[in-house]
Amino acid sequence: LIYQLDHYAPRADTEKTFSFPLDLVLRPHDERVVVAFGQRDGIRVGHAVLAINGAEVNGRFTADGKDVLEFLGNPANYPVSIRFGRHRLSSNEKLMLASMFHSLFAIGSQLSPEVGSSGIEMLETDTFKLHCFQTLTGIKFMVLADPRQTGIDALLRKIYEIYSDFALKNPFYSLEMPIRCELFDQNLKLALEVAEKAGPFGPGS
């Protein structure tokens, strides 16, 4: 993973004040505390505890180093304000997910009944589509988009053009190293804005 951009990441954080006992079932999961049972008021199963009494939590621990589950299990700490929402992926988690997709891409190429298959070009779910474009040199460009969004193929080709112009032609850039180039960032964001202006039901660009 040499470059990653969260261009549109809506947050659905919900903060509520609770009295004891907590009417949600919380469980530790992947070094954070998540809702296992009891959806209410915008809080959903899978949402993580993001903050307690206005202070950001650090995984399974409060800002002052206390275990979140132990803190919330103590009646003396109530009433308590808890903010729930989707957990922000760390750089390591993004790297791991990119590596997993790379492996799936290779498996898809080998399992395809067609000789010389290009591998996975699109994965579709009910909430998003993952589009992938692989260059002749093996570099993969991936875009996660609304399933109704059109013009993603053209956007991927535009991103490849931006990569060629502002990364590969940069004398200070080394292949397979993270891309840190202001012109690359600016032109990529501009291309995404142009694609968005077409709208999820537009012709794309």
Protein backbone atom coordinates (compact mmCIF):
# COMPACT_ATOMS: atom_id res chain seq x y z
CA LEU A 1 0.00 0.00 0.00
CA ILE A 2 1.87 3.05 -1.28
CA TYR A 3 -0.99 5.56 -1.10
CA GLN A 4 -4.38 5.78 0.56
CA LEU A 5 -6.94 8.58 0.71
CA ASP A 6 -10.22 8.81 2.64
CA HIS A 7 -11.96 11.27 0.35
CA TYR A 8 -15.44 10.74 1.72
CA ALA A 9 -15.78 9.09 5.10
CA PRO A 10 -19.06 10.10 6.74
CA ARG A 11 -19.15 9.58 10.48
CA ALA A 12 -22.28 8.42 12.25
CA ASP A 13 -21.13 9.08 15.80
CA THR A 14 -23.79 9.02 18.50
CA GLU A 15 -23.23 10.32 22.02
CA LYS A 16 -25.62 9.51 24.84
CA THR A 17 -25.65 9.78 28.62
CA PHE A 18 -26.38 6.48 30.35
CA SER A 19 -27.41 5.52 33.86
CA PHE A 20 -26.45 2.26 35.56
CA PRO A 21 -26.85 -0.49 34.49
CA LEU A 22 -25.85 0.02 30.86
CA ASP A 23 -28.61 -1.28 28.58
CA LEU A 24 -26.15 -2.28 25.85
CA VAL A 25 -24.02 -5.41 25.75
CA LEU A 26 -20.37 -4.55 25.05
CA ARG A 27 -17.63 -6.99 24.09
CA PRO A 28 -13.89 -6.65 23.35
CA HIS A 29 -13.11 -7.14 19.66
CA ASP A 30 -9.84 -6.49 17.79
CA GLU A 31 -8.36 -4.36 20.57
CA ARG A 32 -11.46 -2.19 20.95
CA VAL A 33 -14.81 -2.37 22.71
CA VAL A 34 -17.85 -2.79 20.46
CA VAL A 35 -21.61 -3.12 20.82
CA ALA A 36 -22.54 -6.82 20.70
CA PHE A 37 -26.26 -6.48 21.45
CA GLY A 38 -28.86 -3.76 21.97
CA GLN A 39 -29.32 -1.22 19.18
CA ARG A 40 -30.92 2.13 20.11
CA ASP A 41 -30.93 5.82 19.17
CA GLY A 42 -28.49 5.45 16.28
CA ILE A 43 -26.17 3.12 18.19
CA ARG A 44 -25.76 -0.10 16.22
CA VAL A 45 -24.24 -3.51 16.72
CA GLY A 46 -20.59 -3.30 15.69
CA HIS A 47 -20.18 0.36 16.68
CA ALA A 48 -17.14 0.95 18.86
CA VAL A 49 -16.78 3.00 22.02
CA LEU A 50 -14.95 6.12 20.80
CA ALA A 51 -15.05 8.38 23.85
CA ILE A 52 -16.14 8.39 27.48
CA ASN A 53 -17.16 11.65 29.16
CA GLY A 54 -15.73 13.57 26.22
CA ALA A 55 -12.27 11.96 26.35
CA GLU A 56 -11.18 9.76 23.44
CA VAL A 57 -10.59 6.12 24.30
CA ASN A 58 -7.45 4.30 23.23
CA GLY A 59 -8.65 0.93 22.00
CA ARG A 60 -9.85 -0.94 25.09
CA PHE A 61 -8.62 1.70 27.54
CA THR A 62 -9.88 5.09 28.67
CA ALA A 63 -7.83 8.25 28.27
CA ASP A 64 -6.34 7.74 31.75
CA GLY A 65 -5.46 4.09 31.14
CA LYS A 66 -8.42 2.31 32.76
CA ASP A 67 -10.03 -0.74 31.15
CA VAL A 68 -13.21 0.46 29.39
CA LEU A 69 -15.31 -2.56 30.39
CA GLU A 70 -14.20 -2.35 34.02
CA PHE A 71 -14.90 1.40 34.09
CA LEU A 72 -18.40 0.92 32.66
CA GLY A 73 -19.05 -1.95 35.04
CA ASN A 74 -18.57 0.26 38.10
CA PRO A 75 -21.84 1.93 39.28
CA ALA A 76 -19.83 4.75 40.88
CA ASN A 77 -18.86 6.04 37.39
CA TYR A 78 -22.48 6.75 36.40
CA PRO A 79 -24.10 8.72 34.94
CA VAL A 80 -21.63 8.46 32.05
CA SER A 81 -21.53 9.96 28.56
CA ILE A 82 -20.41 7.52 25.85
CA ARG A 83 -19.80 8.25 22.19
CA PHE A 84 -20.27 5.36 19.77
CA GLY A 85 -19.44 5.14 16.09
CA ARG A 86 -17.49 3.37 13.40
CA HIS A 87 -13.89 2.76 14.32
CA ARG A 88 -11.28 4.62 12.26
CA LEU A 89 -8.87 2.18 10.66
CA SER A 90 -5.24 2.55 11.64
CA SER A 91 -2.44 2.62 9.04
CA ASN A 92 -1.56 -0.96 9.96
CA GLU A 93 -5.15 -2.11 9.49
CA LYS A 94 -5.35 -0.43 6.08
CA LEU A 95 -2.07 -2.08 5.10
CA MET A 96 -3.38 -5.47 6.22
CA LEU A 97 -6.62 -5.07 4.25
CA ALA A 98 -4.72 -4.02 1.12
CA SER A 99 -2.51 -7.11 1.47
CA MET A 100 -5.56 -9.33 1.85
CA PHE A 101 -7.09 -7.93 -1.33
CA HIS A 102 -3.80 -8.43 -3.17
CA SER A 103 -3.93 -12.12 -2.18
CA LEU A 104 -7.58 -12.46 -3.25
CA PHE A 105 -6.72 -10.82 -6.56
CA ALA A 106 -3.96 -13.39 -7.18
CA ILE A 107 -6.25 -16.29 -6.21
CA GLY A 108 -8.97 -14.97 -8.52
CA SER A 109 -6.51 -14.82 -11.43
CA GLN A 110 -5.47 -18.43 -10.85
CA LEU A 111 -8.99 -19.81 -10.36
CA SER A 112 -10.43 -18.12 -13.44
CA PRO A 113 -11.35 -20.58 -16.25
CA GLU A 114 -10.10 -18.00 -18.73
CA VAL A 115 -6.40 -18.06 -19.56
CA GLY A 116 -4.66 -14.80 -18.71
CA SER A 117 -7.49 -13.51 -16.51
CA SER A 118 -6.97 -9.98 -15.23
CA GLY A 119 -8.15 -10.94 -11.75
CA ILE A 120 -10.80 -9.20 -9.66
CA GLU A 121 -12.01 -6.01 -11.33
CA MET A 122 -15.04 -5.35 -9.12
CA LEU A 123 -16.55 -6.57 -5.85
CA GLU A 124 -20.16 -5.56 -5.24
CA THR A 125 -22.06 -5.37 -1.96
CA ASP A 126 -25.35 -3.74 -1.03
CA THR A 127 -23.59 -0.66 0.38
CA PHE A 128 -20.48 -0.17 -1.80
CA LYS A 129 -18.56 -1.38 -4.81
CA LEU A 130 -14.81 -1.98 -4.88
CA HIS A 131 -13.32 -1.27 -8.30
CA CYS A 132 -9.78 -2.40 -9.17
CA PHE A 133 -7.57 -1.51 -12.12
CA GLN A 134 -4.21 -3.24 -12.53
CA THR A 135 -1.56 -1.74 -14.80
CA LEU A 136 0.80 -3.73 -17.00
CA THR A 137 3.51 -3.28 -14.38
CA GLY A 138 1.33 -4.77 -11.64
CA ILE A 139 0.37 -1.58 -9.78
CA LYS A 140 -3.23 -1.81 -8.55
CA PHE A 141 -5.56 1.16 -8.16
CA MET A 142 -8.66 0.58 -6.02
CA VAL A 143 -11.69 2.78 -5.50
CA LEU A 144 -14.49 2.17 -2.99
CA ALA A 145 -17.63 3.92 -4.21
CA ASP A 146 -21.38 4.13 -3.76
CA PRO A 147 -22.93 1.22 -5.72
CA ARG A 148 -24.95 3.75 -7.76
CA GLN A 149 -21.91 5.81 -8.76
CA THR A 150 -21.08 5.65 -12.46
CA GLY A 151 -17.91 6.55 -14.35
CA ILE A 152 -15.53 4.73 -12.00
CA ASP A 153 -13.65 3.07 -14.89
CA ALA A 154 -12.87 6.49 -16.33
CA LEU A 155 -11.87 7.71 -12.86
CA LEU A 156 -9.44 4.80 -12.44
CA ARG A 157 -7.80 5.60 -15.78
CA LYS A 158 -7.55 9.25 -14.73
CA ILE A 159 -5.89 8.22 -11.45
CA TYR A 160 -3.40 6.13 -13.42
CA GLU A 161 -2.66 9.16 -15.59
CA ILE A 162 -2.10 11.31 -12.47
CA TYR A 163 0.17 8.62 -11.01
CA SER A 164 2.21 8.54 -14.22
CA ASP A 165 2.49 12.32 -14.45
CA PHE A 166 3.11 13.30 -10.84
CA ALA A 167 4.67 10.24 -9.19
CA LEU A 168 6.62 8.34 -11.83
CA LYS A 169 8.00 11.51 -13.41
CA ASN A 170 9.02 12.90 -10.02
CA PRO A 171 12.83 12.53 -9.74
CA PHE A 172 12.55 12.25 -5.95
CA TYR A 173 10.11 9.32 -6.06
CA SER A 174 11.28 5.70 -5.80
CA LEU A 175 9.14 2.86 -7.12
CA GLU A 176 7.01 0.99 -4.56
CA MET A 177 7.65 3.64 -1.91
CA PRO A 178 4.84 5.70 -0.30
CA ILE A 179 3.76 8.60 -2.49
CA ARG A 180 4.32 11.95 -0.80
CA CYS A 181 3.84 14.57 -3.50
CA GLU A 182 1.70 17.69 -3.15
CA LEU A 183 0.92 17.90 -6.87
CA PHE A 184 -0.21 14.26 -6.84
CA ASP A 185 -2.51 14.98 -3.87
CA GLN A 186 -3.96 18.11 -5.47
CA ASN A 187 -4.68 16.52 -8.85
CA LEU A 188 -6.11 13.36 -7.30
CA LYS A 189 -8.53 15.37 -5.14
CA LEU A 190 -9.52 17.45 -8.17
CA ALA A 191 -10.26 14.28 -10.19
CA LEU A 192 -12.41 12.93 -7.35
CA GLU A 193 -14.34 16.20 -7.10
CA VAL A 194 -15.01 16.13 -10.86
CA ALA A 195 -16.27 12.53 -10.58
CA GLU A 196 -18.51 13.45 -7.64
CA LYS A 197 -20.07 16.38 -9.49
CA ALA A 198 -21.55 13.90 -11.94
CA GLY A 199 -23.62 12.61 -9.00
CA PRO A 200 -24.38 9.01 -8.11
CA PHE A 201 -26.84 8.81 -10.99
CA GLY A 202 -24.85 10.98 -13.43
CA PRO A 203 -22.90 9.99 -16.53
CA GLY A 204 -19.55 10.04 -14.72
CA SER A 205 -16.37 11.56 -16.08
